[in-house]
Amino acid sequence: MTKRSKVFVPVVVTVATVGVAAGAAYVARYRKDDVKELFVAQALERPAARQSYAELAQGLERAGIALFQRAGRAADTPANRGLLTHIIGLERWGQERLRVALGEREFVRDEHHPYKPGAGTTLRELQDLLSQTRSRTVDLARRLNASPPAEGTTVEHNGLGSLTPKGWLRYLTQHADGESRKLRGAKEAKALGE
């Protein structure tokens, strides 16, 4: 290997690495809507479209079991109560969007914050509310199965854009699952100083 080729290889690797990083930064800064649309299509809409509303309802029930187990093991900490409050508020908010798809209410562009339980809600009350909230979401999925909206029906998500009712159901399942994984049991909370 010549001296020139020894220098050339690291330069090519460096340029390629910097190019990928620069490309990622460009996409994050200037093409975030494209990335968001890709995420919605690949992670929410495409998988949801392959399922019936009945299957999505069953998926919500199954995911609810794991959700309730995590909530049941959660230590009574402000962080865990805040997380459960967030999950419940967002799911209730999503339920209102599903009611729009069912034609039961007009669309209102609001946030999920008003749907959250009050600040003084106990951990036990939050666990019960979580179960009730998920049961209502499953009920909405079954009602969508019994009376499906017209093909092409979408309802806006404030951050993700328009979602189909099936996309909403998948979103609510995925959101609660992901957020509930952050719940900490007593030993974990103690180790983290909570």
C-alpha atoms as a PDB file:
ATOM      1  CA  MET A   1       0.000   0.000   0.000  1.00  0.00           C
ATOM      2  CA  THR A   2       1.407   3.367  -0.942  1.00  0.00           C
ATOM      3  CA  LYS A   3       1.568   6.345   1.336  1.00  0.00           C
ATOM      4  CA  ARG A   4      -1.145   8.040  -0.737  1.00  0.00           C
ATOM      5  CA  SER A   5      -3.584   5.102  -0.383  1.00  0.00           C
ATOM      6  CA  LYS A   6      -2.949   4.899   3.378  1.00  0.00           C
ATOM      7  CA  VAL A   7      -4.122   8.485   3.720  1.00  0.00           C
ATOM      8  CA  PHE A   8      -6.937   8.084   1.192  1.00  0.00           C
ATOM      9  CA  VAL A   9      -8.814   5.308   3.073  1.00  0.00           C
ATOM     10  CA  PRO A  10      -9.291   7.228   6.355  1.00  0.00           C
ATOM     11  CA  VAL A  11     -10.299  10.337   4.384  1.00  0.00           C
ATOM     12  CA  VAL A  12     -12.990   8.388   2.491  1.00  0.00           C
ATOM     13  CA  VAL A  13     -14.282   6.822   5.722  1.00  0.00           C
ATOM     14  CA  THR A  14     -14.330  10.211   7.444  1.00  0.00           C
ATOM     15  CA  VAL A  15     -16.105  11.916   4.535  1.00  0.00           C
ATOM     16  CA  ALA A  16     -18.666   9.100   4.376  1.00  0.00           C
ATOM     17  CA  THR A  17     -19.295   9.279   8.129  1.00  0.00           C
ATOM     18  CA  VAL A  18     -19.571  13.065   8.114  1.00  0.00           C
ATOM     19  CA  GLY A  19     -21.813  12.826   5.059  1.00  0.00           C
ATOM     20  CA  VAL A  20     -24.224  10.482   6.814  1.00  0.00           C
ATOM     21  CA  ALA A  21     -24.277  12.635   9.938  1.00  0.00           C
ATOM     22  CA  ALA A  22     -24.763  15.788   7.884  1.00  0.00           C
ATOM     23  CA  GLY A  23     -27.526  14.072   5.937  1.00  0.00           C
ATOM     24  CA  ALA A  24     -29.261  13.028   9.149  1.00  0.00           C
ATOM     25  CA  ALA A  25     -28.966  16.564  10.525  1.00  0.00           C
ATOM     26  CA  TYR A  26     -30.376  17.967   7.277  1.00  0.00           C
ATOM     27  CA  VAL A  27     -33.338  15.576   7.380  1.00  0.00           C
ATOM     28  CA  ALA A  28     -33.985  16.339  11.048  1.00  0.00           C
ATOM     29  CA  ARG A  29     -33.846  20.087  10.470  1.00  0.00           C
ATOM     30  CA  TYR A  30     -35.446  20.575   7.066  1.00  0.00           C
ATOM     31  CA  ARG A  31     -37.353  17.410   6.276  1.00  0.00           C
ATOM     32  CA  LYS A  32     -38.933  16.598   9.643  1.00  0.00           C
ATOM     33  CA  ASP A  33     -42.424  16.585   8.096  1.00  0.00           C
ATOM     34  CA  ASP A  34     -41.257  13.933   5.633  1.00  0.00           C
ATOM     35  CA  VAL A  35     -39.829  11.867   8.501  1.00  0.00           C
ATOM     36  CA  LYS A  36     -43.047  12.300  10.477  1.00  0.00           C
ATOM     37  CA  GLU A  37     -45.134  11.191   7.476  1.00  0.00           C
ATOM     38  CA  LEU A  38     -42.877   8.172   7.006  1.00  0.00           C
ATOM     39  CA  PHE A  39     -43.225   7.271  10.694  1.00  0.00           C
ATOM     40  CA  VAL A  40     -47.024   7.618  10.578  1.00  0.00           C
ATOM     41  CA  ALA A  41     -47.241   5.524   7.417  1.00  0.00           C
ATOM     42  CA  GLN A  42     -44.829   2.780   8.500  1.00  0.00           C
ATOM     43  CA  ALA A  43     -45.418   2.531  12.246  1.00  0.00           C
ATOM     44  CA  LEU A  44     -49.103   3.384  12.543  1.00  0.00           C
ATOM     45  CA  GLU A  45     -51.197   3.398   9.398  1.00  0.00           C
ATOM     46  CA  ARG A  46     -49.768   0.472   7.424  1.00  0.00           C
ATOM     47  CA  PRO A  47     -49.870  -2.059  10.314  1.00  0.00           C
ATOM     48  CA  ALA A  48     -53.300  -0.813  11.433  1.00  0.00           C
ATOM     49  CA  ALA A  49     -54.754  -1.045   7.918  1.00  0.00           C
ATOM     50  CA  ARG A  50     -53.999  -4.784   7.859  1.00  0.00           C
ATOM     51  CA  GLN A  51     -56.220  -5.328  10.895  1.00  0.00           C
ATOM     52  CA  SER A  52     -59.950  -5.191  11.404  1.00  0.00           C
ATOM     53  CA  TYR A  53     -61.435  -3.019  14.118  1.00  0.00           C
ATOM     54  CA  ALA A  54     -62.211  -6.228  16.028  1.00  0.00           C
ATOM     55  CA  GLU A  55     -58.546  -7.250  15.867  1.00  0.00           C
ATOM     56  CA  LEU A  56     -57.467  -3.781  16.974  1.00  0.00           C
ATOM     57  CA  ALA A  57     -59.891  -4.027  19.922  1.00  0.00           C
ATOM     58  CA  GLN A  58     -58.352  -7.379  20.874  1.00  0.00           C
ATOM     59  CA  GLY A  59     -54.884  -5.846  20.596  1.00  0.00           C
ATOM     60  CA  LEU A  60     -55.933  -3.007  22.893  1.00  0.00           C
ATOM     61  CA  GLU A  61     -57.213  -5.554  25.422  1.00  0.00           C
ATOM     62  CA  ARG A  62     -54.028  -7.637  25.271  1.00  0.00           C
ATOM     63  CA  ALA A  63     -51.799  -4.561  25.548  1.00  0.00           C
ATOM     64  CA  GLY A  64     -54.026  -3.414  28.407  1.00  0.00           C
ATOM     65  CA  ILE A  65     -53.103  -6.483  30.438  1.00  0.00           C
ATOM     66  CA  ALA A  66     -49.399  -5.591  30.297  1.00  0.00           C
ATOM     67  CA  LEU A  67     -50.288  -1.942  30.904  1.00  0.00           C
ATOM     68  CA  PHE A  68     -52.280  -2.784  34.053  1.00  0.00           C
ATOM     69  CA  GLN A  69     -49.526  -5.079  35.321  1.00  0.00           C
ATOM     70  CA  ARG A  70     -46.905  -2.343  34.964  1.00  0.00           C
ATOM     71  CA  ALA A  71     -49.223   0.155  36.648  1.00  0.00           C
ATOM     72  CA  GLY A  72     -49.923  -2.352  39.438  1.00  0.00           C
ATOM     73  CA  ARG A  73     -46.194  -2.757  40.161  1.00  0.00           C
ATOM     74  CA  ALA A  74     -45.512   0.977  40.069  1.00  0.00           C
ATOM     75  CA  ALA A  75     -44.223   2.616  43.213  1.00  0.00           C
ATOM     76  CA  ASP A  76     -46.247   5.495  44.601  1.00  0.00           C
ATOM     77  CA  THR A  77     -43.963   8.300  43.418  1.00  0.00           C
ATOM     78  CA  PRO A  78     -44.710  11.681  41.868  1.00  0.00           C
ATOM     79  CA  ALA A  79     -42.991  10.554  38.657  1.00  0.00           C
ATOM     80  CA  ASN A  80     -45.164   7.436  38.346  1.00  0.00           C
ATOM     81  CA  ARG A  81     -48.346   9.330  39.182  1.00  0.00           C
ATOM     82  CA  GLY A  82     -47.399  11.952  36.588  1.00  0.00           C
ATOM     83  CA  LEU A  83     -46.773   9.285  33.982  1.00  0.00           C
ATOM     84  CA  LEU A  84     -50.104   7.557  34.633  1.00  0.00           C
ATOM     85  CA  THR A  85     -51.866  10.922  34.540  1.00  0.00           C
ATOM     86  CA  HIS A  86     -50.254  11.589  31.149  1.00  0.00           C
ATOM     87  CA  ILE A  87     -51.214   8.178  29.727  1.00  0.00           C
ATOM     88  CA  ILE A  88     -54.828   8.525  30.887  1.00  0.00           C
ATOM     89  CA  GLY A  89     -55.143  12.108  29.634  1.00  0.00           C
ATOM     90  CA  LEU A  90     -53.762  11.297  26.210  1.00  0.00           C
ATOM     91  CA  GLU A  91     -55.934   8.208  25.812  1.00  0.00           C
ATOM     92  CA  ARG A  92     -59.064  10.138  26.823  1.00  0.00           C
ATOM     93  CA  TRP A  93     -58.106  12.838  24.327  1.00  0.00           C
ATOM     94  CA  GLY A  94     -57.700  10.193  21.635  1.00  0.00           C
ATOM     95  CA  GLN A  95     -61.120   8.793  22.510  1.00  0.00           C
ATOM     96  CA  GLU A  96     -62.643  12.169  21.695  1.00  0.00           C
ATOM     97  CA  ARG A  97     -60.946  12.070  18.289  1.00  0.00           C
ATOM     98  CA  LEU A  98     -62.383   8.583  17.709  1.00  0.00           C
ATOM     99  CA  ARG A  99     -65.838   9.920  18.589  1.00  0.00           C
ATOM    100  CA  VAL A 100     -65.347  12.450  15.791  1.00  0.00           C
ATOM    101  CA  ALA A 101     -64.688   9.544  13.391  1.00  0.00           C
ATOM    102  CA  LEU A 102     -67.894   7.896  14.627  1.00  0.00           C
ATOM    103  CA  GLY A 103     -69.810  11.109  13.917  1.00  0.00           C
ATOM    104  CA  GLU A 104     -70.746  11.549  17.582  1.00  0.00           C
ATOM    105  CA  ARG A 105     -69.150  14.946  17.987  1.00  0.00           C
ATOM    106  CA  GLU A 106     -67.620  17.803  16.046  1.00  0.00           C
ATOM    107  CA  PHE A 107     -63.876  18.117  15.772  1.00  0.00           C
ATOM    108  CA  VAL A 108     -62.305  20.442  18.345  1.00  0.00           C
ATOM    109  CA  ARG A 109     -58.579  21.123  18.106  1.00  0.00           C
ATOM    110  CA  ASP A 110     -57.638  20.885  21.745  1.00  0.00           C
ATOM    111  CA  GLU A 111     -54.784  19.435  23.762  1.00  0.00           C
ATOM    112  CA  HIS A 112     -54.725  16.360  25.983  1.00  0.00           C
ATOM    113  CA  HIS A 113     -54.099  18.321  29.196  1.00  0.00           C
ATOM    114  CA  PRO A 114     -57.783  18.972  30.088  1.00  0.00           C
ATOM    115  CA  TYR A 115     -58.417  15.209  29.921  1.00  0.00           C
ATOM    116  CA  LYS A 116     -55.866  14.400  32.620  1.00  0.00           C
ATOM    117  CA  PRO A 117     -57.035  13.410  36.105  1.00  0.00           C
ATOM    118  CA  GLY A 118     -56.559  16.067  38.781  1.00  0.00           C
ATOM    119  CA  ALA A 119     -53.220  16.623  40.505  1.00  0.00           C
ATOM    120  CA  GLY A 120     -54.385  15.136  43.819  1.00  0.00           C
ATOM    121  CA  THR A 121     -55.409  11.787  42.338  1.00  0.00           C
ATOM    122  CA  THR A 122     -53.881   8.875  44.275  1.00  0.00           C
ATOM    123  CA  LEU A 123     -51.912   6.073  42.676  1.00  0.00           C
ATOM    124  CA  ARG A 124     -54.748   3.622  43.396  1.00  0.00           C
ATOM    125  CA  GLU A 125     -57.282   5.969  41.795  1.00  0.00           C
ATOM    126  CA  LEU A 126     -55.019   6.374  38.766  1.00  0.00           C
ATOM    127  CA  GLN A 127     -54.704   2.605  38.407  1.00  0.00           C
ATOM    128  CA  ASP A 128     -58.513   2.313  38.435  1.00  0.00           C
ATOM    129  CA  LEU A 129     -58.897   5.199  35.987  1.00  0.00           C
ATOM    130  CA  LEU A 130     -56.342   3.602  33.667  1.00  0.00           C
ATOM    131  CA  SER A 131     -58.414   0.410  33.559  1.00  0.00           C
ATOM    132  CA  GLN A 132     -61.650   2.329  32.967  1.00  0.00           C
ATOM    133  CA  THR A 133     -60.054   4.472  30.275  1.00  0.00           C
ATOM    134  CA  ARG A 134     -58.669   1.505  28.364  1.00  0.00           C
ATOM    135  CA  SER A 135     -62.049  -0.261  28.614  1.00  0.00           C
ATOM    136  CA  ARG A 136     -63.671   2.775  26.972  1.00  0.00           C
ATOM    137  CA  THR A 137     -61.083   2.714  24.176  1.00  0.00           C
ATOM    138  CA  VAL A 138     -61.782  -0.978  23.563  1.00  0.00           C
ATOM    139  CA  ASP A 139     -65.498  -0.151  23.503  1.00  0.00           C
ATOM    140  CA  LEU A 140     -64.878   2.555  20.887  1.00  0.00           C
ATOM    141  CA  ALA A 141     -62.935   0.076  18.743  1.00  0.00           C
ATOM    142  CA  ARG A 142     -65.861  -2.345  18.924  1.00  0.00           C
ATOM    143  CA  ARG A 143     -68.290   0.422  17.987  1.00  0.00           C
ATOM    144  CA  LEU A 144     -66.064   1.283  15.022  1.00  0.00           C
ATOM    145  CA  ASN A 145     -66.216  -2.384  14.063  1.00  0.00           C
ATOM    146  CA  ALA A 146     -70.020  -2.385  14.254  1.00  0.00           C
ATOM    147  CA  SER A 147     -70.350   0.900  12.357  1.00  0.00           C
ATOM    148  CA  PRO A 148     -67.161   1.593  10.390  1.00  0.00           C
ATOM    149  CA  PRO A 149     -66.628   5.145   9.155  1.00  0.00           C
ATOM    150  CA  ALA A 150     -66.477   5.854   5.448  1.00  0.00           C
ATOM    151  CA  GLU A 151     -63.293   4.844   3.649  1.00  0.00           C
ATOM    152  CA  GLY A 152     -60.772   7.684   3.808  1.00  0.00           C
ATOM    153  CA  THR A 153     -62.054   9.123   7.098  1.00  0.00           C
ATOM    154  CA  THR A 154     -59.291  10.810   9.060  1.00  0.00           C
ATOM    155  CA  VAL A 155     -59.156  12.894  12.222  1.00  0.00           C
ATOM    156  CA  GLU A 156     -56.306  15.258  12.978  1.00  0.00           C
ATOM    157  CA  HIS A 157     -53.660  14.516  15.588  1.00  0.00           C
ATOM    158  CA  ASN A 158     -52.071  17.783  16.697  1.00  0.00           C
ATOM    159  CA  GLY A 159     -48.511  16.568  16.167  1.00  0.00           C
ATOM    160  CA  LEU A 160     -48.767  13.720  13.675  1.00  0.00           C
ATOM    161  CA  GLY A 161     -51.337  15.081  11.236  1.00  0.00           C
ATOM    162  CA  SER A 162     -54.362  13.220   9.969  1.00  0.00           C
ATOM    163  CA  LEU A 163     -54.823   9.667  11.221  1.00  0.00           C
ATOM    164  CA  THR A 164     -57.425   7.117  10.219  1.00  0.00           C
ATOM    165  CA  PRO A 165     -59.521   5.685  13.068  1.00  0.00           C
ATOM    166  CA  LYS A 166     -57.437   2.501  12.803  1.00  0.00           C
ATOM    167  CA  GLY A 167     -54.262   4.611  12.983  1.00  0.00           C
ATOM    168  CA  TRP A 168     -55.636   6.292  16.099  1.00  0.00           C
ATOM    169  CA  LEU A 169     -56.295   2.928  17.757  1.00  0.00           C
ATOM    170  CA  ARG A 170     -52.773   1.751  16.987  1.00  0.00           C
ATOM    171  CA  TYR A 171     -51.351   5.067  18.193  1.00  0.00           C
ATOM    172  CA  LEU A 172     -53.184   4.823  21.522  1.00  0.00           C
ATOM    173  CA  THR A 173     -51.986   1.240  21.982  1.00  0.00           C
ATOM    174  CA  GLN A 174     -48.372   2.125  21.161  1.00  0.00           C
ATOM    175  CA  HIS A 175     -48.340   5.334  23.194  1.00  0.00           C
ATOM    176  CA  ALA A 176     -49.595   3.729  26.409  1.00  0.00           C
ATOM    177  CA  ASP A 177     -47.280   0.751  25.951  1.00  0.00           C
ATOM    178  CA  GLY A 178     -44.211   2.911  25.420  1.00  0.00           C
ATOM    179  CA  GLU A 179     -44.971   5.354  28.223  1.00  0.00           C
ATOM    180  CA  SER A 180     -45.878   2.631  30.727  1.00  0.00           C
ATOM    181  CA  ARG A 181     -42.448   1.055  30.279  1.00  0.00           C
ATOM    182  CA  LYS A 182     -41.066   4.112  32.096  1.00  0.00           C
ATOM    183  CA  LEU A 183     -43.010   3.257  35.274  1.00  0.00           C
ATOM    184  CA  ARG A 184     -40.700   2.261  38.131  1.00  0.00           C
ATOM    185  CA  GLY A 185     -41.296  -0.263  40.872  1.00  0.00           C
ATOM    186  CA  ALA A 186     -40.380   0.420  44.507  1.00  0.00           C
ATOM    187  CA  LYS A 187     -36.800  -0.925  44.216  1.00  0.00           C
ATOM    188  CA  GLU A 188     -36.095   0.965  40.993  1.00  0.00           C
ATOM    189  CA  ALA A 189     -37.584   4.184  42.349  1.00  0.00           C
ATOM    190  CA  LYS A 190     -35.536   3.896  45.523  1.00  0.00           C
ATOM    191  CA  ALA A 191     -32.357   3.284  43.513  1.00  0.00           C
ATOM    192  CA  LEU A 192     -33.117   6.394  41.441  1.00  0.00           C
ATOM    193  CA  GLY A 193     -33.783   8.416  44.581  1.00  0.00           C
ATOM    194  CA  GLU A 194     -37.467   9.006  43.865  1.00  0.00           C
END
